[in-house]
Amino acid sequence: MPRTPYEIRFDLLNYAMGHLTGQYYSDLERIRESSQENSPERITKIAQLKYPTKSEIINLANEYKEFIDNK
């Protein structure tokens, strides 16, 4: 059965969210593995990480949509 444009946009949004949140958690894990627990450096690096915002997720989904639309 063909997918509706709404379903496609929803999938793109979910893919973008998964990509950005996966990147966030990957960066967090890398910091945890590469520094000592409770060290000031570790605390600073973790504090500098930013969880993806709604607008970042939407922007990435739009980039994916533009890529798909350009044949």
PDB file of N, CA and C in Angstrom:
ATOM      1  N   MET A   1       0.832  -1.167   0.000  1.00  0.00           N
ATOM      2  CA  MET A   1       0.000   0.000   0.000  1.00  0.00           C
ATOM      3  C   MET A   1       0.891   1.249   0.000  1.00  0.00           C
ATOM      4  N   PRO A   2       0.588   2.231  -0.841  1.00  0.00           N
ATOM      5  CA  PRO A   2       1.400   3.446  -0.896  1.00  0.00           C
ATOM      6  C   PRO A   2       1.273   4.257   0.397  1.00  0.00           C
ATOM      7  N   ARG A   3       2.352   4.941   0.707  1.00  0.00           N
ATOM      8  CA  ARG A   3       2.370   5.763   1.919  1.00  0.00           C
ATOM      9  C   ARG A   3       1.876   7.164   1.580  1.00  0.00           C
ATOM     10  N   THR A   4       1.168   7.769   2.522  1.00  0.00           N
ATOM     11  CA  THR A   4       0.673   9.124   2.313  1.00  0.00           C
ATOM     12  C   THR A   4       1.809  10.114   2.581  1.00  0.00           C
ATOM     13  N   PRO A   5       1.688  11.341   2.067  1.00  0.00           N
ATOM     14  CA  PRO A   5       2.713  12.350   2.365  1.00  0.00           C
ATOM     15  C   PRO A   5       2.871  12.601   3.872  1.00  0.00           C
ATOM     16  N   TYR A   6       1.779  12.484   4.611  1.00  0.00           N
ATOM     17  CA  TYR A   6       1.857  12.673   6.063  1.00  0.00           C
ATOM     18  C   TYR A   6       2.711  11.591   6.722  1.00  0.00           C
ATOM     19  N   GLU A   7       2.539  10.375   6.279  1.00  0.00           N
ATOM     20  CA  GLU A   7       3.329   9.272   6.822  1.00  0.00           C
ATOM     21  C   GLU A   7       4.804   9.434   6.478  1.00  0.00           C
ATOM     22  N   ILE A   8       5.077   9.884   5.283  1.00  0.00           N
ATOM     23  CA  ILE A   8       6.472  10.086   4.864  1.00  0.00           C
ATOM     24  C   ILE A   8       7.117  11.184   5.698  1.00  0.00           C
ATOM     25  N   ARG A   9       6.408  12.290   5.893  1.00  0.00           N
ATOM     26  CA  ARG A   9       6.959  13.382   6.710  1.00  0.00           C
ATOM     27  C   ARG A   9       7.165  12.927   8.152  1.00  0.00           C
ATOM     28  N   PHE A  10       6.212  12.138   8.662  1.00  0.00           N
ATOM     29  CA  PHE A  10       6.345  11.618  10.020  1.00  0.00           C
ATOM     30  C   PHE A  10       7.576  10.719  10.144  1.00  0.00           C
ATOM     31  N   ASP A  11       7.789   9.884   9.153  1.00  0.00           N
ATOM     32  CA  ASP A  11       8.971   9.015   9.149  1.00  0.00           C
ATOM     33  C   ASP A  11      10.262   9.836   9.095  1.00  0.00           C
ATOM     34  N   LEU A  12      10.280  10.879   8.270  1.00  0.00           N
ATOM     35  CA  LEU A  12      11.462  11.730   8.180  1.00  0.00           C
ATOM     36  C   LEU A  12      11.727  12.425   9.516  1.00  0.00           C
ATOM     37  N   LEU A  13      10.670  12.873  10.159  1.00  0.00           N
ATOM     38  CA  LEU A  13      10.817  13.520  11.458  1.00  0.00           C
ATOM     39  C   LEU A  13      11.375  12.539  12.489  1.00  0.00           C
ATOM     40  N   ASN A  14      10.857  11.325  12.501  1.00  0.00           N
ATOM     41  CA  ASN A  14      11.356  10.304  13.434  1.00  0.00           C
ATOM     42  C   ASN A  14      12.798   9.925  13.138  1.00  0.00           C
ATOM     43  N   TYR A  15      13.146   9.840  11.861  1.00  0.00           N
ATOM     44  CA  TYR A  15      14.518   9.516  11.487  1.00  0.00           C
ATOM     45  C   TYR A  15      15.469  10.617  11.935  1.00  0.00           C
ATOM     46  N   ALA A  16      15.080  11.871  11.720  1.00  0.00           N
ATOM     47  CA  ALA A  16      15.912  13.001  12.142  1.00  0.00           C
ATOM     48  C   ALA A  16      16.071  13.013  13.656  1.00  0.00           C
ATOM     49  N   MET A  17      14.979  12.771  14.381  1.00  0.00           N
ATOM     50  CA  MET A  17      15.051  12.754  15.833  1.00  0.00           C
ATOM     51  C   MET A  17      15.964  11.615  16.308  1.00  0.00           C
ATOM     52  N   GLY A  18      15.824  10.455  15.715  1.00  0.00           N
ATOM     53  CA  GLY A  18      16.676   9.327  16.085  1.00  0.00           C
ATOM     54  C   GLY A  18      18.141   9.597  15.811  1.00  0.00           C
ATOM     55  N   HIS A  19      18.414  10.236  14.678  1.00  0.00           N
ATOM     56  CA  HIS A  19      19.800  10.554  14.323  1.00  0.00           C
ATOM     57  C   HIS A  19      20.414  11.522  15.337  1.00  0.00           C
ATOM     58  N   LEU A  20      19.702  12.610  15.644  1.00  0.00           N
ATOM     59  CA  LEU A  20      20.252  13.628  16.542  1.00  0.00           C
ATOM     60  C   LEU A  20      20.335  13.145  17.990  1.00  0.00           C
ATOM     61  N   THR A  21      19.330  12.425  18.457  1.00  0.00           N
ATOM     62  CA  THR A  21      19.405  11.928  19.833  1.00  0.00           C
ATOM     63  C   THR A  21      20.453  10.823  19.949  1.00  0.00           C
ATOM     64  N   GLY A  22      20.591  10.011  18.907  1.00  0.00           N
ATOM     65  CA  GLY A  22      21.647   8.991  18.905  1.00  0.00           C
ATOM     66  C   GLY A  22      23.026   9.615  18.967  1.00  0.00           C
ATOM     67  N   GLN A  23      23.201  10.703  18.232  1.00  0.00           N
ATOM     68  CA  GLN A  23      24.474  11.418  18.249  1.00  0.00           C
ATOM     69  C   GLN A  23      24.738  12.002  19.644  1.00  0.00           C
ATOM     70  N   TYR A  24      23.706  12.551  20.279  1.00  0.00           N
ATOM     71  CA  TYR A  24      23.843  13.103  21.633  1.00  0.00           C
ATOM     72  C   TYR A  24      24.290  12.015  22.615  1.00  0.00           C
ATOM     73  N   TYR A  25      23.600  10.877  22.605  1.00  0.00           N
ATOM     74  CA  TYR A  25      23.943   9.806  23.539  1.00  0.00           C
ATOM     75  C   TYR A  25      25.296   9.173  23.225  1.00  0.00           C
ATOM     76  N   SER A  26      25.669   9.147  21.975  1.00  0.00           N
ATOM     77  CA  SER A  26      26.984   8.655  21.591  1.00  0.00           C
ATOM     78  C   SER A  26      28.079   9.571  22.135  1.00  0.00           C
ATOM     79  N   ASP A  27      27.876  10.876  21.993  1.00  0.00           N
ATOM     80  CA  ASP A  27      28.840  11.842  22.536  1.00  0.00           C
ATOM     81  C   ASP A  27      28.921  11.734  24.052  1.00  0.00           C
ATOM     82  N   LEU A  28      27.777  11.562  24.694  1.00  0.00           N
ATOM     83  CA  LEU A  28      27.746  11.425  26.150  1.00  0.00           C
ATOM     84  C   LEU A  28      28.515  10.187  26.596  1.00  0.00           C
ATOM     85  N   GLU A  29      28.306   9.081  25.923  1.00  0.00           N
ATOM     86  CA  GLU A  29      29.008   7.841  26.268  1.00  0.00           C
ATOM     87  C   GLU A  29      30.510   7.966  26.042  1.00  0.00           C
ATOM     88  N   ARG A  30      30.901   8.639  24.957  1.00  0.00           N
ATOM     89  CA  ARG A  30      32.321   8.839  24.673  1.00  0.00           C
ATOM     90  C   ARG A  30      32.981   9.655  25.789  1.00  0.00           C
ATOM     91  N   ILE A  31      32.289  10.675  26.283  1.00  0.00           N
ATOM     92  CA  ILE A  31      32.830  11.480  27.389  1.00  0.00           C
ATOM     93  C   ILE A  31      32.950  10.630  28.640  1.00  0.00           C
ATOM     94  N   ARG A  32      31.951   9.842  28.926  1.00  0.00           N
ATOM     95  CA  ARG A  32      31.976   9.005  30.132  1.00  0.00           C
ATOM     96  C   ARG A  32      33.105   7.977  30.086  1.00  0.00           C
ATOM     97  N   GLU A  33      33.370   7.439  28.896  1.00  0.00           N
ATOM     98  CA  GLU A  33      34.416   6.427  28.778  1.00  0.00           C
ATOM     99  C   GLU A  33      35.825   7.026  28.772  1.00  0.00           C
ATOM    100  N   SER A  34      35.955   8.277  28.347  1.00  0.00           N
ATOM    101  CA  SER A  34      37.289   8.849  28.172  1.00  0.00           C
ATOM    102  C   SER A  34      37.753   9.721  29.326  1.00  0.00           C
ATOM    103  N   SER A  35      36.944   9.884  30.361  1.00  0.00           N
ATOM    104  CA  SER A  35      37.373  10.721  31.479  1.00  0.00           C
ATOM    105  C   SER A  35      37.000  10.056  32.795  1.00  0.00           C
ATOM    106  N   GLN A  36      37.670  10.521  33.829  1.00  0.00           N
ATOM    107  CA  GLN A  36      37.440   9.932  35.148  1.00  0.00           C
ATOM    108  C   GLN A  36      36.151  10.470  35.759  1.00  0.00           C
ATOM    109  N   GLU A  37      35.509   9.598  36.510  1.00  0.00           N
ATOM    110  CA  GLU A  37      34.248   9.958  37.131  1.00  0.00           C
ATOM    111  C   GLU A  37      34.427  11.155  38.067  1.00  0.00           C
ATOM    112  N   ASN A  38      33.497  12.077  38.003  1.00  0.00           N
ATOM    113  CA  ASN A  38      33.454  13.288  38.834  1.00  0.00           C
ATOM    114  C   ASN A  38      34.629  14.234  38.642  1.00  0.00           C
ATOM    115  N   SER A  39      35.391  14.084  37.573  1.00  0.00           N
ATOM    116  CA  SER A  39      36.465  15.033  37.309  1.00  0.00           C
ATOM    117  C   SER A  39      35.846  16.326  36.774  1.00  0.00           C
ATOM    118  N   PRO A  40      36.480  17.475  37.063  1.00  0.00           N
ATOM    119  CA  PRO A  40      35.926  18.742  36.571  1.00  0.00           C
ATOM    120  C   PRO A  40      35.820  18.784  35.043  1.00  0.00           C
ATOM    121  N   GLU A  41      36.785  18.176  34.361  1.00  0.00           N
ATOM    122  CA  GLU A  41      36.763  18.150  32.896  1.00  0.00           C
ATOM    123  C   GLU A  41      35.532  17.396  32.393  1.00  0.00           C
ATOM    124  N   ARG A  42      35.264  16.274  33.011  1.00  0.00           N
ATOM    125  CA  ARG A  42      34.116  15.459  32.603  1.00  0.00           C
ATOM    126  C   ARG A  42      32.806  16.199  32.843  1.00  0.00           C
ATOM    127  N   ILE A  43      32.698  16.809  33.998  1.00  0.00           N
ATOM    128  CA  ILE A  43      31.482  17.541  34.344  1.00  0.00           C
ATOM    129  C   ILE A  43      31.259  18.701  33.375  1.00  0.00           C
ATOM    130  N   THR A  44      32.328  19.398  33.022  1.00  0.00           N
ATOM    131  CA  THR A  44      32.228  20.517  32.085  1.00  0.00           C
ATOM    132  C   THR A  44      31.800  20.041  30.705  1.00  0.00           C
ATOM    133  N   LYS A  45      32.419  18.972  30.220  1.00  0.00           N
ATOM    134  CA  LYS A  45      32.075  18.457  28.892  1.00  0.00           C
ATOM    135  C   LYS A  45      30.629  17.990  28.829  1.00  0.00           C
ATOM    136  N   ILE A  46      30.174  17.314  29.879  1.00  0.00           N
ATOM    137  CA  ILE A  46      28.792  16.843  29.903  1.00  0.00           C
ATOM    138  C   ILE A  46      27.830  18.027  29.957  1.00  0.00           C
ATOM    139  N   ALA A  47      28.180  19.044  30.730  1.00  0.00           N
ATOM    140  CA  ALA A  47      27.324  20.227  30.830  1.00  0.00           C
ATOM    141  C   ALA A  47      27.228  20.972  29.498  1.00  0.00           C
ATOM    142  N   GLN A  48      28.267  20.873  28.672  1.00  0.00           N
ATOM    143  CA  GLN A  48      28.279  21.567  27.387  1.00  0.00           C
ATOM    144  C   GLN A  48      27.461  20.845  26.321  1.00  0.00           C
ATOM    145  N   LEU A  49      27.176  19.570  26.537  1.00  0.00           N
ATOM    146  CA  LEU A  49      26.346  18.839  25.577  1.00  0.00           C
ATOM    147  C   LEU A  49      24.934  19.406  25.587  1.00  0.00           C
ATOM    148  N   LYS A  50      24.373  19.536  24.425  1.00  0.00           N
ATOM    149  CA  LYS A  50      23.009  20.044  24.312  1.00  0.00           C
ATOM    150  C   LYS A  50      22.135  18.989  23.656  1.00  0.00           C
ATOM    151  N   TYR A  51      21.044  18.647  24.318  1.00  0.00           N
ATOM    152  CA  TYR A  51      20.076  17.718  23.744  1.00  0.00           C
ATOM    153  C   TYR A  51      19.425  18.415  22.557  1.00  0.00           C
ATOM    154  N   PRO A  52      19.176  17.701  21.476  1.00  0.00           N
ATOM    155  CA  PRO A  52      18.623  18.352  20.280  1.00  0.00           C
ATOM    156  C   PRO A  52      17.269  19.022  20.551  1.00  0.00           C
ATOM    157  N   THR A  53      17.134  20.209  20.002  1.00  0.00           N
ATOM    158  CA  THR A  53      15.888  20.949  20.157  1.00  0.00           C
ATOM    159  C   THR A  53      14.893  20.544  19.074  1.00  0.00           C
ATOM    160  N   LYS A  54      13.649  20.935  19.287  1.00  0.00           N
ATOM    161  CA  LYS A  54      12.605  20.646  18.315  1.00  0.00           C
ATOM    162  C   LYS A  54      12.935  21.283  16.963  1.00  0.00           C
ATOM    163  N   SER A  55      13.446  22.508  16.976  1.00  0.00           N
ATOM    164  CA  SER A  55      13.760  23.178  15.714  1.00  0.00           C
ATOM    165  C   SER A  55      14.926  22.503  14.991  1.00  0.00           C
ATOM    166  N   GLU A  56      15.908  21.987  15.730  1.00  0.00           N
ATOM    167  CA  GLU A  56      17.011  21.261  15.089  1.00  0.00           C
ATOM    168  C   GLU A  56      16.510  19.985  14.422  1.00  0.00           C
ATOM    169  N   ILE A  57      15.594  19.306  15.080  1.00  0.00           N
ATOM    170  CA  ILE A  57      15.029  18.073  14.525  1.00  0.00           C
ATOM    171  C   ILE A  57      14.229  18.393  13.264  1.00  0.00           C
ATOM    172  N   ILE A  58      13.416  19.429  13.312  1.00  0.00           N
ATOM    173  CA  ILE A  58      12.607  19.809  12.149  1.00  0.00           C
ATOM    174  C   ILE A  58      13.501  20.249  10.997  1.00  0.00           C
ATOM    175  N   ASN A  59      14.558  21.012  11.300  1.00  0.00           N
ATOM    176  CA  ASN A  59      15.476  21.448  10.239  1.00  0.00           C
ATOM    177  C   ASN A  59      16.144  20.262   9.554  1.00  0.00           C
ATOM    178  N   LEU A  60      16.573  19.283  10.333  1.00  0.00           N
ATOM    179  CA  LEU A  60      17.206  18.111   9.738  1.00  0.00           C
ATOM    180  C   LEU A  60      16.204  17.314   8.906  1.00  0.00           C
ATOM    181  N   ALA A  61      14.978  17.181   9.393  1.00  0.00           N
ATOM    182  CA  ALA A  61      13.940  16.482   8.627  1.00  0.00           C
ATOM    183  C   ALA A  61      13.682  17.203   7.306  1.00  0.00           C
ATOM    184  N   ASN A  62      13.692  18.529   7.328  1.00  0.00           N
ATOM    185  CA  ASN A  62      13.520  19.301   6.095  1.00  0.00           C
ATOM    186  C   ASN A  62      14.681  19.092   5.137  1.00  0.00           C
ATOM    187  N   GLU A  63      15.892  18.973   5.668  1.00  0.00           N
ATOM    188  CA  GLU A  63      17.057  18.684   4.813  1.00  0.00           C
ATOM    189  C   GLU A  63      16.892  17.330   4.140  1.00  0.00           C
ATOM    190  N   TYR A  64      16.433  16.344   4.894  1.00  0.00           N
ATOM    191  CA  TYR A  64      16.203  15.020   4.316  1.00  0.00           C
ATOM    192  C   TYR A  64      15.138  15.099   3.227  1.00  0.00           C
ATOM    193  N   LYS A  65      14.070  15.840   3.489  1.00  0.00           N
ATOM    194  CA  LYS A  65      12.984  15.965   2.512  1.00  0.00           C
ATOM    195  C   LYS A  65      13.483  16.642   1.235  1.00  0.00           C
ATOM    196  N   GLU A  66      14.282  17.696   1.377  1.00  0.00           N
ATOM    197  CA  GLU A  66      14.838  18.373   0.196  1.00  0.00           C
ATOM    198  C   GLU A  66      15.705  17.419  -0.598  1.00  0.00           C
ATOM    199  N   PHE A  67      16.503  16.625   0.084  1.00  0.00           N
ATOM    200  CA  PHE A  67      17.363  15.655  -0.596  1.00  0.00           C
ATOM    201  C   PHE A  67      16.529  14.651  -1.390  1.00  0.00           C
ATOM    202  N   ILE A  68      15.474  14.183  -0.788  1.00  0.00           N
ATOM    203  CA  ILE A  68      14.609  13.203  -1.441  1.00  0.00           C
ATOM    204  C   ILE A  68      13.873  13.838  -2.628  1.00  0.00           C
ATOM    205  N   ASP A  69      13.438  15.080  -2.462  1.00  0.00           N
ATOM    206  CA  ASP A  69      12.698  15.766  -3.520  1.00  0.00           C
ATOM    207  C   ASP A  69      13.555  16.066  -4.735  1.00  0.00           C
ATOM    208  N   ASN A  70      14.861  16.246  -4.550  1.00  0.00           N
ATOM    209  CA  ASN A  70      15.764  16.526  -5.677  1.00  0.00           C
ATOM    210  C   ASN A  70      16.141  15.214  -6.343  1.00  0.00           C
ATOM    211  N   LYS A  71      15.588  14.969  -7.494  1.00  0.00           N
ATOM    212  CA  LYS A  71      15.812  13.695  -8.188  1.00  0.00           C
ATOM    213  C   LYS A  71      17.086  13.714  -8.970  1.00  0.00           C
TER     214      LYS A  71
END
